[in-house]
Amino acid sequence: MLKYFREGDGFCNNHAWDLKEMGDALGQSILYEDLLKTMLSKIRNTINGGSFKSKYRHAKKCIICRFKQRTED
């Protein structure tokens, strides 16, 4: 699940607010700490000569949106 969370760069705006309403601030903070570390690593790679566009593409939907789409198909 964490892999898909990272690939989608977290949750979309709607699902992030839904998650907030559910509570469990500790669990949410653990997820987003990991995501921030992943993003920071991508930025550092860019500073060290990499291309940000080639290393960062926000093309995938959030994990919940993808799950909903698969169940509706």
C-alpha atoms as a PDB file:
ATOM      1  CA  MET A   1       0.000   0.000   0.000  1.00  0.00           C
ATOM      2  CA  LEU A   2       2.802   2.417   0.839  1.00  0.00           C
ATOM      3  CA  LYS A   3       4.226   1.963  -2.659  1.00  0.00           C
ATOM      4  CA  TYR A   4       0.932   3.079  -4.219  1.00  0.00           C
ATOM      5  CA  PHE A   5       0.602   5.925  -1.724  1.00  0.00           C
ATOM      6  CA  ARG A   6       4.039   7.191  -2.793  1.00  0.00           C
ATOM      7  CA  GLU A   7       3.296   6.762  -6.487  1.00  0.00           C
ATOM      8  CA  GLY A   8       0.164   8.882  -6.181  1.00  0.00           C
ATOM      9  CA  ASP A   9       2.034  11.493  -4.121  1.00  0.00           C
ATOM     10  CA  GLY A  10      -0.314  10.927  -1.227  1.00  0.00           C
ATOM     11  CA  PHE A  11      -4.049  11.290  -1.399  1.00  0.00           C
ATOM     12  CA  CYS A  12      -5.981  13.691  -3.607  1.00  0.00           C
ATOM     13  CA  ASN A  13      -7.484  16.720  -1.901  1.00  0.00           C
ATOM     14  CA  ASN A  14     -10.893  15.103  -1.350  1.00  0.00           C
ATOM     15  CA  HIS A  15      -9.530  11.881   0.110  1.00  0.00           C
ATOM     16  CA  ALA A  16      -6.995  13.717   2.270  1.00  0.00           C
ATOM     17  CA  TRP A  17      -9.878  15.612   3.894  1.00  0.00           C
ATOM     18  CA  ASP A  18     -11.840  12.374   4.291  1.00  0.00           C
ATOM     19  CA  LEU A  19      -8.839  10.832   6.022  1.00  0.00           C
ATOM     20  CA  LYS A  20      -8.532  13.830   8.332  1.00  0.00           C
ATOM     21  CA  GLU A  21     -12.151  13.405   9.374  1.00  0.00           C
ATOM     22  CA  MET A  22     -11.473   9.778  10.336  1.00  0.00           C
ATOM     23  CA  GLY A  23      -8.968  10.821  12.971  1.00  0.00           C
ATOM     24  CA  ASP A  24      -5.822   8.809  13.726  1.00  0.00           C
ATOM     25  CA  ALA A  25      -3.399  11.715  13.470  1.00  0.00           C
ATOM     26  CA  LEU A  26      -0.451   9.465  14.328  1.00  0.00           C
ATOM     27  CA  GLY A  27      -1.109   7.091  11.437  1.00  0.00           C
ATOM     28  CA  GLN A  28      -1.569   9.985   9.036  1.00  0.00           C
ATOM     29  CA  SER A  29       1.607  11.669  10.199  1.00  0.00           C
ATOM     30  CA  ILE A  30       3.575   8.453   9.635  1.00  0.00           C
ATOM     31  CA  LEU A  31       2.260   8.194   6.065  1.00  0.00           C
ATOM     32  CA  TYR A  32       2.999  11.807   5.220  1.00  0.00           C
ATOM     33  CA  GLU A  33       6.425  11.754   6.896  1.00  0.00           C
ATOM     34  CA  ASP A  34       7.378   8.928   4.545  1.00  0.00           C
ATOM     35  CA  LEU A  35       5.963  10.821   1.575  1.00  0.00           C
ATOM     36  CA  LEU A  36       7.886  13.976   2.477  1.00  0.00           C
ATOM     37  CA  LYS A  37      11.120  12.000   2.777  1.00  0.00           C
ATOM     38  CA  THR A  38      10.477  10.482  -0.653  1.00  0.00           C
ATOM     39  CA  MET A  39       9.818  13.893  -2.186  1.00  0.00           C
ATOM     40  CA  LEU A  40      12.880  15.400  -0.503  1.00  0.00           C
ATOM     41  CA  SER A  41      15.014  12.625  -1.947  1.00  0.00           C
ATOM     42  CA  LYS A  42      13.686  13.412  -5.446  1.00  0.00           C
ATOM     43  CA  ILE A  43      14.482  17.093  -4.961  1.00  0.00           C
ATOM     44  CA  ARG A  44      18.005  16.321  -3.742  1.00  0.00           C
ATOM     45  CA  ASN A  45      18.601  14.135  -6.785  1.00  0.00           C
ATOM     46  CA  THR A  46      17.535  17.057  -8.959  1.00  0.00           C
ATOM     47  CA  ILE A  47      19.948  19.410  -7.215  1.00  0.00           C
ATOM     48  CA  ASN A  48      22.736  16.883  -7.818  1.00  0.00           C
ATOM     49  CA  GLY A  49      22.293  17.114 -11.578  1.00  0.00           C
ATOM     50  CA  GLY A  50      19.178  15.100 -12.249  1.00  0.00           C
ATOM     51  CA  SER A  51      16.187  16.321 -14.179  1.00  0.00           C
ATOM     52  CA  PHE A  52      13.180  17.054 -12.003  1.00  0.00           C
ATOM     53  CA  LYS A  53      10.763  16.335 -14.845  1.00  0.00           C
ATOM     54  CA  SER A  54      12.265  12.931 -15.503  1.00  0.00           C
ATOM     55  CA  LYS A  55      12.308  11.964 -11.831  1.00  0.00           C
ATOM     56  CA  TYR A  56       8.962  13.430 -10.829  1.00  0.00           C
ATOM     57  CA  ARG A  57       5.786  12.907 -12.772  1.00  0.00           C
ATOM     58  CA  HIS A  58       2.467  13.305 -11.066  1.00  0.00           C
ATOM     59  CA  ALA A  59       0.511  11.177 -13.491  1.00  0.00           C
ATOM     60  CA  LYS A  60      -1.126   8.665 -11.168  1.00  0.00           C
ATOM     61  CA  LYS A  61      -4.228   9.147  -9.098  1.00  0.00           C
ATOM     62  CA  CYS A  62      -4.332   8.713  -5.361  1.00  0.00           C
ATOM     63  CA  ILE A  63      -4.613   5.135  -4.103  1.00  0.00           C
ATOM     64  CA  ILE A  64      -8.281   5.540  -3.115  1.00  0.00           C
ATOM     65  CA  CYS A  65      -9.256   7.063  -6.479  1.00  0.00           C
ATOM     66  CA  ARG A  66      -7.553   4.166  -8.279  1.00  0.00           C
ATOM     67  CA  PHE A  67      -9.319   1.608  -6.082  1.00  0.00           C
ATOM     68  CA  LYS A  68     -12.694   3.253  -6.674  1.00  0.00           C
ATOM     69  CA  GLN A  69     -12.093   3.349 -10.419  1.00  0.00           C
ATOM     70  CA  ARG A  70     -11.179  -0.369 -10.521  1.00  0.00           C
ATOM     71  CA  THR A  71     -14.264  -1.345  -8.545  1.00  0.00           C
ATOM     72  CA  GLU A  72     -16.526   0.724 -10.791  1.00  0.00           C
ATOM     73  CA  ASP A  73     -15.125  -0.760 -14.021  1.00  0.00           C
END
